[in-house]
Amino acid sequence: MNARLSLRLLLVLDILMLIAGVSLSFFDGYLLPDTLAEWKKAQLDEDALSLTDLILLALCFGWLVGYLVSVVGLFLQQRWAAWLFLAITVLGLGFTLSEPSVYSGLLAAIDAVALLVQGAILAVCFGTDALRPENPVA
């Protein structure tokens, strides 16, 4: 299969995984056992937003903008987008260290598949000629 086609298919799959994960997260409390669902609800019912929450929210918004820019750049086969996608992937992994979290098995599986897809995207970007110009200047 053509490396450029593979890259585009992986990008579409990654976007679908993101949409599925975000959509399922709204119903995730119903998929958890009662005690975990109560703990998760108690975490969401805390008082006002703290400064840490606001900083994390700003980082998440920046991550989303960076993710969208990198995906569009990769669709347009721009090499800089591969580096941005790598940085966004590492930053996304860093978000998992921010606080304890509880997810259903289904959401965890979607997250694991999305991470594998992101790894495959990075492998295609850095390990193939998918982002090289078709007619390089000599």
Protein backbone atom coordinates (compact mmCIF):
# COMPACT_ATOMS: atom_id res chain seq x y z
CA MET A 1 0.00 0.00 0.00
CA ASN A 2 1.17 3.52 -0.74
CA ALA A 3 2.71 5.23 2.32
CA ARG A 4 0.77 8.44 1.70
CA LEU A 5 -2.52 6.56 1.52
CA SER A 6 -1.62 4.64 4.67
CA LEU A 7 -0.89 7.90 6.46
CA ARG A 8 -4.21 9.41 5.46
CA LEU A 9 -6.15 6.29 6.48
CA LEU A 10 -4.39 6.26 9.86
CA LEU A 11 -5.20 9.95 10.35
CA VAL A 12 -8.88 9.30 9.64
CA LEU A 13 -8.83 6.38 12.07
CA ASP A 14 -7.18 8.57 14.73
CA ILE A 15 -9.83 11.26 14.29
CA LEU A 16 -12.56 8.60 14.59
CA MET A 17 -10.93 7.28 17.79
CA LEU A 18 -10.87 10.82 19.22
CA ILE A 19 -14.54 11.35 18.38
CA ALA A 20 -15.50 7.94 19.78
CA GLY A 21 -13.53 8.57 22.98
CA VAL A 22 -15.00 12.00 23.58
CA SER A 23 -18.53 10.77 22.80
CA LEU A 24 -18.20 7.76 25.06
CA SER A 25 -16.77 9.84 27.91
CA PHE A 26 -20.17 11.49 28.34
CA PHE A 27 -21.69 8.06 29.11
CA ASP A 28 -18.70 6.56 30.86
CA GLY A 29 -20.24 6.90 34.33
CA TYR A 30 -22.98 4.47 33.34
CA LEU A 31 -20.41 1.84 32.35
CA LEU A 32 -18.58 1.91 35.68
CA PRO A 33 -19.44 -0.07 38.82
CA ASP A 34 -21.51 1.95 41.30
CA THR A 35 -18.68 2.72 43.74
CA LEU A 36 -16.36 3.97 41.00
CA ALA A 37 -19.16 5.96 39.38
CA GLU A 38 -19.89 7.65 42.73
CA TRP A 39 -16.18 8.48 43.21
CA LYS A 40 -15.95 9.93 39.71
CA LYS A 41 -19.12 11.98 40.24
CA ALA A 42 -17.75 13.29 43.55
CA GLN A 43 -14.59 14.44 41.77
CA LEU A 44 -16.68 16.37 39.24
CA ASP A 45 -18.92 17.90 41.91
CA GLU A 46 -16.08 19.73 43.68
CA ASP A 47 -16.40 23.46 44.37
CA ALA A 48 -15.21 26.13 41.98
CA LEU A 49 -12.39 25.75 39.50
CA SER A 50 -8.93 26.10 40.98
CA LEU A 51 -5.97 27.75 39.29
CA THR A 52 -4.60 24.29 38.49
CA ASP A 53 -7.87 23.37 36.78
CA LEU A 54 -7.76 26.54 34.68
CA ILE A 55 -4.16 25.88 33.66
CA LEU A 56 -5.03 22.30 32.73
CA LEU A 57 -8.03 23.52 30.76
CA ALA A 58 -5.85 25.99 28.83
CA LEU A 59 -3.32 23.23 28.12
CA CYS A 60 -6.12 20.95 26.87
CA PHE A 61 -7.38 23.69 24.56
CA GLY A 62 -3.83 24.25 23.28
CA TRP A 63 -3.45 20.51 22.78
CA LEU A 64 -6.66 20.37 20.73
CA VAL A 65 -5.58 23.29 18.52
CA GLY A 66 -2.14 21.74 18.06
CA TYR A 67 -3.68 18.37 17.27
CA LEU A 68 -5.97 19.83 14.61
CA VAL A 69 -3.13 21.85 13.04
CA SER A 70 -0.87 18.79 12.96
CA VAL A 71 -3.53 16.55 11.42
CA VAL A 72 -4.32 19.11 8.70
CA GLY A 73 -0.58 19.53 8.08
CA LEU A 74 -0.12 15.77 7.79
CA PHE A 75 -3.04 15.53 5.37
CA LEU A 76 -1.22 18.17 3.30
CA GLN A 77 1.99 16.13 3.69
CA GLN A 78 3.99 18.77 5.52
CA ARG A 79 7.11 17.56 7.36
CA TRP A 80 6.79 20.10 10.17
CA ALA A 81 3.41 18.56 11.00
CA ALA A 82 5.09 15.26 11.90
CA TRP A 83 7.18 17.02 14.56
CA LEU A 84 4.13 18.85 15.85
CA PHE A 85 2.17 15.57 15.96
CA LEU A 86 5.01 13.98 17.93
CA ALA A 87 5.00 16.85 20.43
CA ILE A 88 1.21 16.70 20.75
CA THR A 89 1.33 12.95 21.34
CA VAL A 90 3.94 13.34 24.10
CA LEU A 91 1.96 16.21 25.66
CA GLY A 92 -1.19 14.06 25.56
CA LEU A 93 0.64 11.31 27.43
CA GLY A 94 1.69 13.91 29.99
CA PHE A 95 -1.95 14.75 30.66
CA THR A 96 -2.42 11.24 32.07
CA LEU A 97 -0.05 12.18 34.88
CA SER A 98 -2.03 15.25 35.91
CA GLU A 99 -4.50 13.56 38.26
CA PRO A 100 -6.02 10.17 39.08
CA SER A 101 -8.72 9.09 36.68
CA VAL A 102 -11.18 6.24 36.37
CA TYR A 103 -12.51 5.03 33.03
CA SER A 104 -14.55 2.10 31.84
CA GLY A 105 -12.84 -0.77 30.08
CA LEU A 106 -14.38 0.28 26.78
CA LEU A 107 -13.02 3.81 27.02
CA ALA A 108 -9.61 2.49 28.08
CA ALA A 109 -9.61 0.16 25.06
CA ILE A 110 -10.46 3.03 22.70
CA ASP A 111 -7.66 5.07 24.27
CA ALA A 112 -5.20 2.18 23.82
CA VAL A 113 -6.17 1.72 20.16
CA ALA A 114 -5.86 5.48 19.58
CA LEU A 115 -2.36 5.43 21.08
CA LEU A 116 -1.39 2.52 18.82
CA VAL A 117 -2.74 4.40 15.81
CA GLN A 118 -0.77 7.49 16.81
CA GLY A 119 2.36 5.35 17.04
CA ALA A 120 1.66 3.97 13.57
CA ILE A 121 1.20 7.53 12.26
CA LEU A 122 4.56 8.51 13.70
CA ALA A 123 6.17 5.37 12.24
CA VAL A 124 4.80 6.19 8.77
CA CYS A 125 5.84 9.85 9.09
CA PHE A 126 9.41 9.20 10.20
CA GLY A 127 10.04 5.74 8.73
CA THR A 128 8.73 6.06 5.18
CA ASP A 129 8.78 8.53 2.33
CA ALA A 130 5.16 9.59 2.93
CA LEU A 131 6.15 13.20 3.63
CA ARG A 132 8.85 13.56 1.01
CA PRO A 133 8.10 15.63 -2.08
CA GLU A 134 7.06 13.58 -5.11
CA ASN A 135 9.37 15.48 -7.47
CA PRO A 136 12.37 16.63 -5.42
CA VAL A 137 14.52 19.39 -6.78
CA ALA A 138 18.00 18.09 -7.66
